[in-house]
Amino acid sequence: MEAYNKERRSFLKAFNGHMNSIVDDKICSDRILKSILRDVESYRTKFGDILSLSEKFELLKFGMLLRKSAEKVDFNEVCNCLAILSGRLSKKGDKKNG
């Protein structure tokens, strides 16, 4: 939980940055999808032990979406998933409650 609390802000910043790139800068490319995938997989690897089963499932589905080519991806759905992740990361972890 300590590692989560130390690193959650950097993941939060990265996910918000990706969302801004898509929404504000209109970047909808394979390159941004792979960049998001890299960060999502890093998040999943680092914090997989403290994620709930439903969170792990959602990350698996999100990863499958990110592996598609940009032409086949609904970038609104990508932004929704990033917003959900950002919302979760905005809450500081509690050792007692996990």
PDB file of N, CA and C in Angstrom:
ATOM      1  N   MET A   1       0.825  -1.184   0.000  1.00  0.00           N
ATOM      2  CA  MET A   1       0.000   0.000   0.000  1.00  0.00           C
ATOM      3  C   MET A   1       0.875   1.256   0.000  1.00  0.00           C
ATOM      4  N   GLU A   2       2.041   1.176   0.652  1.00  0.00           N
ATOM      5  CA  GLU A   2       2.944   2.326   0.662  1.00  0.00           C
ATOM      6  C   GLU A   2       3.408   2.671  -0.750  1.00  0.00           C
ATOM      7  N   ALA A   3       3.763   1.634  -1.521  1.00  0.00           N
ATOM      8  CA  ALA A   3       4.208   1.856  -2.904  1.00  0.00           C
ATOM      9  C   ALA A   3       3.082   2.485  -3.717  1.00  0.00           C
ATOM     10  N   TYR A   4       1.861   2.013  -3.488  1.00  0.00           N
ATOM     11  CA  TYR A   4       0.702   2.564  -4.199  1.00  0.00           C
ATOM     12  C   TYR A   4       0.573   4.052  -3.909  1.00  0.00           C
ATOM     13  N   ASN A   5       0.619   4.418  -2.644  1.00  0.00           N
ATOM     14  CA  ASN A   5       0.457   5.820  -2.277  1.00  0.00           C
ATOM     15  C   ASN A   5       1.584   6.696  -2.818  1.00  0.00           C
ATOM     16  N   LYS A   6       2.789   6.140  -2.940  1.00  0.00           N
ATOM     17  CA  LYS A   6       3.911   6.906  -3.485  1.00  0.00           C
ATOM     18  C   LYS A   6       3.784   7.112  -4.992  1.00  0.00           C
ATOM     19  N   GLU A   7       3.291   6.078  -5.684  1.00  0.00           N
ATOM     20  CA  GLU A   7       3.301   6.124  -7.148  1.00  0.00           C
ATOM     21  C   GLU A   7       1.963   6.474  -7.778  1.00  0.00           C
ATOM     22  N   ARG A   8       0.916   6.528  -7.011  1.00  0.00           N
ATOM     23  CA  ARG A   8      -0.414   6.759  -7.592  1.00  0.00           C
ATOM     24  C   ARG A   8      -0.500   8.106  -8.303  1.00  0.00           C
ATOM     25  N   ARG A   9       0.164   9.108  -7.781  1.00  0.00           N
ATOM     26  CA  ARG A   9       0.108  10.433  -8.416  1.00  0.00           C
ATOM     27  C   ARG A   9       0.766  10.441  -9.789  1.00  0.00           C
ATOM     28  N   SER A  10       1.850   9.692  -9.946  1.00  0.00           N
ATOM     29  CA  SER A  10       2.496   9.653 -11.267  1.00  0.00           C
ATOM     30  C   SER A  10       1.608   8.934 -12.277  1.00  0.00           C
ATOM     31  N   PHE A  11       0.932   7.873 -11.855  1.00  0.00           N
ATOM     32  CA  PHE A  11      -0.013   7.198 -12.749  1.00  0.00           C
ATOM     33  C   PHE A  11      -1.209   8.095 -13.038  1.00  0.00           C
ATOM     34  N   LEU A  12      -1.691   8.789 -12.034  1.00  0.00           N
ATOM     35  CA  LEU A  12      -2.814   9.710 -12.206  1.00  0.00           C
ATOM     36  C   LEU A  12      -2.458  10.783 -13.237  1.00  0.00           C
ATOM     37  N   LYS A  13      -1.261  11.333 -13.107  1.00  0.00           N
ATOM     38  CA  LYS A  13      -0.802  12.360 -14.053  1.00  0.00           C
ATOM     39  C   LYS A  13      -0.686  11.790 -15.462  1.00  0.00           C
ATOM     40  N   ALA A  14      -0.156  10.580 -15.580  1.00  0.00           N
ATOM     41  CA  ALA A  14      -0.005   9.955 -16.905  1.00  0.00           C
ATOM     42  C   ALA A  14      -1.365   9.687 -17.544  1.00  0.00           C
ATOM     43  N   PHE A  15      -2.300   9.121 -16.787  1.00  0.00           N
ATOM     44  CA  PHE A  15      -3.618   8.805 -17.344  1.00  0.00           C
ATOM     45  C   PHE A  15      -4.375  10.077 -17.722  1.00  0.00           C
ATOM     46  N   ASN A  16      -4.284  11.106 -16.891  1.00  0.00           N
ATOM     47  CA  ASN A  16      -4.924  12.389 -17.232  1.00  0.00           C
ATOM     48  C   ASN A  16      -4.272  13.019 -18.457  1.00  0.00           C
ATOM     49  N   GLY A  17      -2.961  12.876 -18.579  1.00  0.00           N
ATOM     50  CA  GLY A  17      -2.263  13.397 -19.749  1.00  0.00           C
ATOM     51  C   GLY A  17      -2.703  12.704 -21.030  1.00  0.00           C
ATOM     52  N   HIS A  18      -2.872  11.397 -20.964  1.00  0.00           N
ATOM     53  CA  HIS A  18      -3.361  10.648 -22.130  1.00  0.00           C
ATOM     54  C   HIS A  18      -4.772  11.103 -22.508  1.00  0.00           C
ATOM     55  N   MET A  19      -5.605  11.281 -21.499  1.00  0.00           N
ATOM     56  CA  MET A  19      -6.977  11.718 -21.763  1.00  0.00           C
ATOM     57  C   MET A  19      -6.981  13.107 -22.412  1.00  0.00           C
ATOM     58  N   ASN A  20      -6.159  14.004 -21.915  1.00  0.00           N
ATOM     59  CA  ASN A  20      -6.059  15.345 -22.501  1.00  0.00           C
ATOM     60  C   ASN A  20      -5.544  15.299 -23.929  1.00  0.00           C
ATOM     61  N   SER A  21      -4.606  14.405 -24.207  1.00  0.00           N
ATOM     62  CA  SER A  21      -4.088  14.278 -25.571  1.00  0.00           C
ATOM     63  C   SER A  21      -5.191  13.861 -26.537  1.00  0.00           C
ATOM     64  N   ILE A  22      -6.063  12.971 -26.084  1.00  0.00           N
ATOM     65  CA  ILE A  22      -7.153  12.504 -26.943  1.00  0.00           C
ATOM     66  C   ILE A  22      -8.231  13.567 -27.084  1.00  0.00           C
ATOM     67  N   VAL A  23      -8.675  14.130 -25.963  1.00  0.00           N
ATOM     68  CA  VAL A  23      -9.806  15.066 -25.985  1.00  0.00           C
ATOM     69  C   VAL A  23      -9.403  16.446 -26.494  1.00  0.00           C
ATOM     70  N   ASP A  24      -8.355  17.010 -25.936  1.00  0.00           N
ATOM     71  CA  ASP A  24      -7.967  18.382 -26.276  1.00  0.00           C
ATOM     72  C   ASP A  24      -7.160  18.473 -27.575  1.00  0.00           C
ATOM     73  N   ASP A  25      -6.187  17.564 -27.731  1.00  0.00           N
ATOM     74  CA  ASP A  25      -5.282  17.627 -28.879  1.00  0.00           C
ATOM     75  C   ASP A  25      -5.749  16.770 -30.053  1.00  0.00           C
ATOM     76  N   LYS A  26      -6.834  16.010 -29.841  1.00  0.00           N
ATOM     77  CA  LYS A  26      -7.410  15.156 -30.897  1.00  0.00           C
ATOM     78  C   LYS A  26      -6.410  14.134 -31.449  1.00  0.00           C
ATOM     79  N   ILE A  27      -5.573  13.607 -30.558  1.00  0.00           N
ATOM     80  CA  ILE A  27      -4.610  12.588 -30.962  1.00  0.00           C
ATOM     81  C   ILE A  27      -5.276  11.219 -30.812  1.00  0.00           C
ATOM     82  N   CYS A  28      -5.532  10.586 -31.929  1.00  0.00           N
ATOM     83  CA  CYS A  28      -6.201   9.281 -31.959  1.00  0.00           C
ATOM     84  C   CYS A  28      -5.397   8.360 -32.860  1.00  0.00           C
ATOM     85  N   SER A  29      -4.267   7.891 -32.348  1.00  0.00           N
ATOM     86  CA  SER A  29      -3.340   7.120 -33.168  1.00  0.00           C
ATOM     87  C   SER A  29      -2.943   5.820 -32.471  1.00  0.00           C
ATOM     88  N   ASP A  30      -2.309   4.952 -33.245  1.00  0.00           N
ATOM     89  CA  ASP A  30      -1.772   3.713 -32.675  1.00  0.00           C
ATOM     90  C   ASP A  30      -0.719   4.033 -31.614  1.00  0.00           C
ATOM     91  N   ARG A  31       0.026   5.082 -31.866  1.00  0.00           N
ATOM     92  CA  ARG A  31       1.101   5.451 -30.932  1.00  0.00           C
ATOM     93  C   ARG A  31       0.550   5.784 -29.544  1.00  0.00           C
ATOM     94  N   ILE A  32      -0.519   6.545 -29.471  1.00  0.00           N
ATOM     95  CA  ILE A  32      -1.069   6.889 -28.153  1.00  0.00           C
ATOM     96  C   ILE A  32      -1.684   5.662 -27.492  1.00  0.00           C
ATOM     97  N   LEU A  33      -2.297   4.789 -28.287  1.00  0.00           N
ATOM     98  CA  LEU A  33      -2.853   3.558 -27.720  1.00  0.00           C
ATOM     99  C   LEU A  33      -1.763   2.713 -27.081  1.00  0.00           C
ATOM    100  N   LYS A  34      -0.625   2.601 -27.742  1.00  0.00           N
ATOM    101  CA  LYS A  34       0.475   1.797 -27.198  1.00  0.00           C
ATOM    102  C   LYS A  34       1.094   2.467 -25.973  1.00  0.00           C
ATOM    103  N   SER A  35       1.131   3.765 -25.952  1.00  0.00           N
ATOM    104  CA  SER A  35       1.639   4.490 -24.792  1.00  0.00           C
ATOM    105  C   SER A  35       0.720   4.277 -23.582  1.00  0.00           C
ATOM    106  N   ILE A  36      -0.587   4.333 -23.820  1.00  0.00           N
ATOM    107  CA  ILE A  36      -1.557   4.085 -22.749  1.00  0.00           C
ATOM    108  C   ILE A  36      -1.437   2.639 -22.277  1.00  0.00           C
ATOM    109  N   LEU A  37      -1.322   1.710 -23.223  1.00  0.00           N
ATOM    110  CA  LEU A  37      -1.187   0.300 -22.878  1.00  0.00           C
ATOM    111  C   LEU A  37       0.029   0.065 -21.998  1.00  0.00           C
ATOM    112  N   ARG A  38       1.142   0.705 -22.346  1.00  0.00           N
ATOM    113  CA  ARG A  38       2.360   0.570 -21.537  1.00  0.00           C
ATOM    114  C   ARG A  38       2.107   1.015 -20.095  1.00  0.00           C
ATOM    115  N   ASP A  39       1.432   2.155 -19.924  1.00  0.00           N
ATOM    116  CA  ASP A  39       1.162   2.657 -18.579  1.00  0.00           C
ATOM    117  C   ASP A  39       0.147   1.796 -17.832  1.00  0.00           C
ATOM    118  N   VAL A  40      -0.862   1.303 -18.538  1.00  0.00           N
ATOM    119  CA  VAL A  40      -1.868   0.439 -17.902  1.00  0.00           C
ATOM    120  C   VAL A  40      -1.224  -0.869 -17.450  1.00  0.00           C
ATOM    121  N   GLU A  41      -0.370  -1.451 -18.287  1.00  0.00           N
ATOM    122  CA  GLU A  41       0.296  -2.697 -17.922  1.00  0.00           C
ATOM    123  C   GLU A  41       1.269  -2.478 -16.768  1.00  0.00           C
ATOM    124  N   SER A  42       1.932  -1.352 -16.740  1.00  0.00           N
ATOM    125  CA  SER A  42       2.821  -1.028 -15.627  1.00  0.00           C
ATOM    126  C   SER A  42       2.024  -0.902 -14.330  1.00  0.00           C
ATOM    127  N   TYR A  43       0.882  -0.226 -14.404  1.00  0.00           N
ATOM    128  CA  TYR A  43      -0.011  -0.082 -13.249  1.00  0.00           C
ATOM    129  C   TYR A  43      -0.483  -1.452 -12.772  1.00  0.00           C
ATOM    130  N   ARG A  44      -0.921  -2.287 -13.710  1.00  0.00           N
ATOM    131  CA  ARG A  44      -1.440  -3.617 -13.375  1.00  0.00           C
ATOM    132  C   ARG A  44      -0.345  -4.480 -12.739  1.00  0.00           C
ATOM    133  N   THR A  45       0.863  -4.410 -13.276  1.00  0.00           N
ATOM    134  CA  THR A  45       1.973  -5.207 -12.756  1.00  0.00           C
ATOM    135  C   THR A  45       2.371  -4.759 -11.354  1.00  0.00           C
ATOM    136  N   LYS A  46       2.456  -3.457 -11.160  1.00  0.00           N
ATOM    137  CA  LYS A  46       2.893  -2.933  -9.861  1.00  0.00           C
ATOM    138  C   LYS A  46       1.863  -3.125  -8.763  1.00  0.00           C
ATOM    139  N   PHE A  47       0.585  -3.008  -9.100  1.00  0.00           N
ATOM    140  CA  PHE A  47      -0.451  -3.005  -8.068  1.00  0.00           C
ATOM    141  C   PHE A  47      -1.431  -4.158  -8.167  1.00  0.00           C
ATOM    142  N   GLY A  48      -1.107  -5.165  -8.967  1.00  0.00           N
ATOM    143  CA  GLY A  48      -1.994  -6.305  -9.143  1.00  0.00           C
ATOM    144  C   GLY A  48      -2.366  -6.999  -7.846  1.00  0.00           C
ATOM    145  N   ASP A  49      -1.463  -6.995  -6.880  1.00  0.00           N
ATOM    146  CA  ASP A  49      -1.724  -7.666  -5.605  1.00  0.00           C
ATOM    147  C   ASP A  49      -2.803  -6.985  -4.774  1.00  0.00           C
ATOM    148  N   ILE A  50      -3.015  -5.695  -4.978  1.00  0.00           N
ATOM    149  CA  ILE A  50      -4.009  -4.990  -4.161  1.00  0.00           C
ATOM    150  C   ILE A  50      -5.284  -4.660  -4.931  1.00  0.00           C
ATOM    151  N   LEU A  51      -5.337  -5.047  -6.204  1.00  0.00           N
ATOM    152  CA  LEU A  51      -6.534  -4.783  -7.005  1.00  0.00           C
ATOM    153  C   LEU A  51      -7.585  -5.859  -6.757  1.00  0.00           C
ATOM    154  N   SER A  52      -8.833  -5.453  -6.801  1.00  0.00           N
ATOM    155  CA  SER A  52      -9.922  -6.417  -6.658  1.00  0.00           C
ATOM    156  C   SER A  52     -10.039  -7.230  -7.950  1.00  0.00           C
ATOM    157  N   LEU A  53     -10.762  -8.319  -7.877  1.00  0.00           N
ATOM    158  CA  LEU A  53     -10.957  -9.158  -9.052  1.00  0.00           C
ATOM    159  C   LEU A  53     -11.659  -8.383 -10.171  1.00  0.00           C
ATOM    160  N   SER A  54     -12.637  -7.560  -9.805  1.00  0.00           N
ATOM    161  CA  SER A  54     -13.343  -6.777 -10.827  1.00  0.00           C
ATOM    162  C   SER A  54     -12.417  -5.739 -11.466  1.00  0.00           C
ATOM    163  N   GLU A  55     -11.527  -5.142 -10.690  1.00  0.00           N
ATOM    164  CA  GLU A  55     -10.566  -4.184 -11.246  1.00  0.00           C
ATOM    165  C   GLU A  55      -9.599  -4.877 -12.195  1.00  0.00           C
ATOM    166  N   LYS A  56      -9.158  -6.077 -11.825  1.00  0.00           N
ATOM    167  CA  LYS A  56      -8.268  -6.837 -12.699  1.00  0.00           C
ATOM    168  C   LYS A  56      -8.963  -7.178 -14.012  1.00  0.00           C
ATOM    169  N   PHE A  57     -10.230  -7.553 -13.938  1.00  0.00           N
ATOM    170  CA  PHE A  57     -11.000  -7.879 -15.132  1.00  0.00           C
ATOM    171  C   PHE A  57     -11.155  -6.647 -16.026  1.00  0.00           C
ATOM    172  N   GLU A  58     -11.466  -5.503 -15.428  1.00  0.00           N
ATOM    173  CA  GLU A  58     -11.605  -4.266 -16.200  1.00  0.00           C
ATOM    174  C   GLU A  58     -10.294  -3.883 -16.879  1.00  0.00           C
ATOM    175  N   LEU A  59      -9.177  -4.056 -16.185  1.00  0.00           N
ATOM    176  CA  LEU A  59      -7.874  -3.760 -16.785  1.00  0.00           C
ATOM    177  C   LEU A  59      -7.568  -4.721 -17.933  1.00  0.00           C
ATOM    178  N   LEU A  60      -7.974  -5.979 -17.788  1.00  0.00           N
ATOM    179  CA  LEU A  60      -7.787  -6.943 -18.866  1.00  0.00           C
ATOM    180  C   LEU A  60      -8.589  -6.531 -20.098  1.00  0.00           C
ATOM    181  N   LYS A  61      -9.846  -6.150 -19.906  1.00  0.00           N
ATOM    182  CA  LYS A  61     -10.683  -5.693 -21.021  1.00  0.00           C
ATOM    183  C   LYS A  61     -10.116  -4.423 -21.653  1.00  0.00           C
ATOM    184  N   PHE A  62      -9.654  -3.496 -20.819  1.00  0.00           N
ATOM    185  CA  PHE A  62      -9.073  -2.258 -21.327  1.00  0.00           C
ATOM    186  C   PHE A  62      -7.821  -2.556 -22.143  1.00  0.00           C
ATOM    187  N   GLY A  63      -6.988  -3.470 -21.658  1.00  0.00           N
ATOM    188  CA  GLY A  63      -5.792  -3.858 -22.388  1.00  0.00           C
ATOM    189  C   GLY A  63      -6.124  -4.448 -23.753  1.00  0.00           C
ATOM    190  N   MET A  64      -7.179  -5.245 -23.825  1.00  0.00           N
ATOM    191  CA  MET A  64      -7.603  -5.828 -25.102  1.00  0.00           C
ATOM    192  C   MET A  64      -8.049  -4.725 -26.066  1.00  0.00           C
ATOM    193  N   LEU A  65      -8.741  -3.729 -25.545  1.00  0.00           N
ATOM    194  CA  LEU A  65      -9.161  -2.590 -26.366  1.00  0.00           C
ATOM    195  C   LEU A  65      -7.950  -1.840 -26.905  1.00  0.00           C
ATOM    196  N   LEU A  66      -6.959  -1.621 -26.055  1.00  0.00           N
ATOM    197  CA  LEU A  66      -5.777  -0.848 -26.432  1.00  0.00           C
ATOM    198  C   LEU A  66      -4.887  -1.578 -27.438  1.00  0.00           C
ATOM    199  N   ARG A  67      -5.026  -2.889 -27.539  1.00  0.00           N
ATOM    200  CA  ARG A  67      -4.217  -3.668 -28.479  1.00  0.00           C
ATOM    201  C   ARG A  67      -4.763  -3.603 -29.908  1.00  0.00           C
ATOM    202  N   LYS A  68      -5.953  -3.072 -30.094  1.00  0.00           N
ATOM    203  CA  LYS A  68      -6.540  -2.945 -31.430  1.00  0.00           C
ATOM    204  C   LYS A  68      -5.876  -1.785 -32.178  1.00  0.00           C
ATOM    205  N   SER A  69      -6.078  -1.758 -33.477  1.00  0.00           N
ATOM    206  CA  SER A  69      -5.553  -0.629 -34.258  1.00  0.00           C
ATOM    207  C   SER A  69      -6.465   0.584 -34.049  1.00  0.00           C
ATOM    208  N   ALA A  70      -5.903   1.750 -34.219  1.00  0.00           N
ATOM    209  CA  ALA A  70      -6.611   3.005 -33.945  1.00  0.00           C
ATOM    210  C   ALA A  70      -7.904   3.129 -34.746  1.00  0.00           C
ATOM    211  N   GLU A  71      -7.915   2.585 -35.957  1.00  0.00           N
ATOM    212  CA  GLU A  71      -9.113   2.688 -36.797  1.00  0.00           C
ATOM    213  C   GLU A  71     -10.293   1.905 -36.214  1.00  0.00           C
ATOM    214  N   LYS A  72     -10.001   0.901 -35.385  1.00  0.00           N
ATOM    215  CA  LYS A  72     -11.043   0.031 -34.837  1.00  0.00           C
ATOM    216  C   LYS A  72     -11.417   0.386 -33.393  1.00  0.00           C
ATOM    217  N   VAL A  73     -10.829   1.454 -32.858  1.00  0.00           N
ATOM    218  CA  VAL A  73     -11.017   1.799 -31.448  1.00  0.00           C
ATOM    219  C   VAL A  73     -11.952   2.987 -31.289  1.00  0.00           C
ATOM    220  N   ASP A  74     -12.861   2.874 -30.348  1.00  0.00           N
ATOM    221  CA  ASP A  74     -13.715   3.990 -29.954  1.00  0.00           C
ATOM    222  C   ASP A  74     -12.942   4.783 -28.895  1.00  0.00           C
ATOM    223  N   PHE A  75     -12.419   5.932 -29.276  1.00  0.00           N
ATOM    224  CA  PHE A  75     -11.585   6.706 -28.361  1.00  0.00           C
ATOM    225  C   PHE A  75     -12.396   7.311 -27.215  1.00  0.00           C
ATOM    226  N   ASN A  76     -13.702   7.415 -27.374  1.00  0.00           N
ATOM    227  CA  ASN A  76     -14.551   7.826 -26.267  1.00  0.00           C
ATOM    228  C   ASN A  76     -14.519   6.760 -25.167  1.00  0.00           C
ATOM    229  N   GLU A  77     -14.534   5.493 -25.565  1.00  0.00           N
ATOM    230  CA  GLU A  77     -14.445   4.391 -24.604  1.00  0.00           C
ATOM    231  C   GLU A  77     -13.080   4.394 -23.905  1.00  0.00           C
ATOM    232  N   VAL A  78     -12.026   4.676 -24.650  1.00  0.00           N
ATOM    233  CA  VAL A  78     -10.688   4.773 -24.057  1.00  0.00           C
ATOM    234  C   VAL A  78     -10.668   5.866 -22.991  1.00  0.00           C
ATOM    235  N   CYS A  79     -11.246   7.031 -23.311  1.00  0.00           N
ATOM    236  CA  CYS A  79     -11.293   8.133 -22.349  1.00  0.00           C
ATOM    237  C   CYS A  79     -12.126   7.767 -21.122  1.00  0.00           C
ATOM    238  N   ASN A  80     -13.211   7.047 -21.327  1.00  0.00           N
ATOM    239  CA  ASN A  80     -14.029   6.614 -20.190  1.00  0.00           C
ATOM    240  C   ASN A  80     -13.239   5.696 -19.264  1.00  0.00           C
ATOM    241  N   CYS A  81     -12.495   4.770 -19.834  1.00  0.00           N
ATOM    242  CA  CYS A  81     -11.671   3.866 -19.023  1.00  0.00           C
ATOM    243  C   CYS A  81     -10.572   4.637 -18.291  1.00  0.00           C
ATOM    244  N   LEU A  82      -9.959   5.587 -18.970  1.00  0.00           N
ATOM    245  CA  LEU A  82      -8.934   6.415 -18.320  1.00  0.00           C
ATOM    246  C   LEU A  82      -9.533   7.238 -17.183  1.00  0.00           C
ATOM    247  N   ALA A  83     -10.741   7.738 -17.383  1.00  0.00           N
ATOM    248  CA  ALA A  83     -11.404   8.521 -16.333  1.00  0.00           C
ATOM    249  C   ALA A  83     -11.695   7.656 -15.111  1.00  0.00           C
ATOM    250  N   ILE A  84     -12.103   6.416 -15.338  1.00  0.00           N
ATOM    251  CA  ILE A  84     -12.365   5.498 -14.223  1.00  0.00           C
ATOM    252  C   ILE A  84     -11.074   5.220 -13.466  1.00  0.00           C
ATOM    253  N   LEU A  85     -10.003   4.940 -14.196  1.00  0.00           N
ATOM    254  CA  LEU A  85      -8.710   4.709 -13.542  1.00  0.00           C
ATOM    255  C   LEU A  85      -8.260   5.940 -12.765  1.00  0.00           C
ATOM    256  N   SER A  86      -8.410   7.114 -13.351  1.00  0.00           N
ATOM    257  CA  SER A  86      -8.016   8.357 -12.675  1.00  0.00           C
ATOM    258  C   SER A  86      -8.829   8.571 -11.410  1.00  0.00           C
ATOM    259  N   GLY A  87     -10.107   8.257 -11.482  1.00  0.00           N
ATOM    260  CA  GLY A  87     -10.961   8.387 -10.302  1.00  0.00           C
ATOM    261  C   GLY A  87     -10.505   7.484  -9.176  1.00  0.00           C
ATOM    262  N   ARG A  88     -10.144   6.266  -9.512  1.00  0.00           N
ATOM    263  CA  ARG A  88      -9.656   5.327  -8.494  1.00  0.00           C
ATOM    264  C   ARG A  88      -8.338   5.803  -7.907  1.00  0.00           C
ATOM    265  N   LEU A  89      -7.476   6.336  -8.756  1.00  0.00           N
ATOM    266  CA  LEU A  89      -6.162   6.784  -8.295  1.00  0.00           C
ATOM    267  C   LEU A  89      -6.232   8.072  -7.484  1.00  0.00           C
ATOM    268  N   SER A  90      -7.311   8.805  -7.593  1.00  0.00           N
ATOM    269  CA  SER A  90      -7.410  10.053  -6.841  1.00  0.00           C
ATOM    270  C   SER A  90      -7.678   9.792  -5.357  1.00  0.00           C
ATOM    271  N   LYS A  91      -8.017   8.551  -5.029  1.00  0.00           N
ATOM    272  CA  LYS A  91      -8.237   8.192  -3.626  1.00  0.00           C
ATOM    273  C   LYS A  91      -6.971   7.564  -3.071  1.00  0.00           C
ATOM    274  N   LYS A  92      -6.498   8.097  -1.975  1.00  0.00           N
ATOM    275  CA  LYS A  92      -5.312   7.560  -1.324  1.00  0.00           C
ATOM    276  C   LYS A  92      -5.656   6.215  -0.707  1.00  0.00           C
ATOM    277  N   GLY A  93      -4.756   5.249  -0.847  1.00  0.00           N
ATOM    278  CA  GLY A  93      -4.979   3.907  -0.301  1.00  0.00           C
ATOM    279  C   GLY A  93      -4.876   3.900   1.206  1.00  0.00           C
ATOM    280  N   ASP A  94      -5.678   3.050   1.815  1.00  0.00           N
ATOM    281  CA  ASP A  94      -5.712   2.899   3.267  1.00  0.00           C
ATOM    282  C   ASP A  94      -5.226   1.505   3.615  1.00  0.00           C
ATOM    283  N   LYS A  95      -4.208   1.415   4.465  1.00  0.00           N
ATOM    284  CA  LYS A  95      -3.652   0.116   4.834  1.00  0.00           C
ATOM    285  C   LYS A  95      -4.710  -0.783   5.465  1.00  0.00           C
ATOM    286  N   LYS A  96      -5.598  -0.208   6.258  1.00  0.00           N
ATOM    287  CA  LYS A  96      -6.609  -0.989   6.959  1.00  0.00           C
ATOM    288  C   LYS A  96      -7.635  -1.553   5.996  1.00  0.00           C
ATOM    289  N   ASN A  97      -8.101  -0.728   5.044  1.00  0.00           N
ATOM    290  CA  ASN A  97      -9.178  -1.137   4.156  1.00  0.00           C
ATOM    291  C   ASN A  97      -8.691  -1.611   2.790  1.00  0.00           C
ATOM    292  N   GLY A  98      -7.427  -1.385   2.462  1.00  0.00           N
ATOM    293  CA  GLY A  98      -6.905  -1.800   1.159  1.00  0.00           C
ATOM    294  C   GLY A  98      -7.508  -0.951   0.120  1.00  0.00           C
TER     295      GLY A  98
END
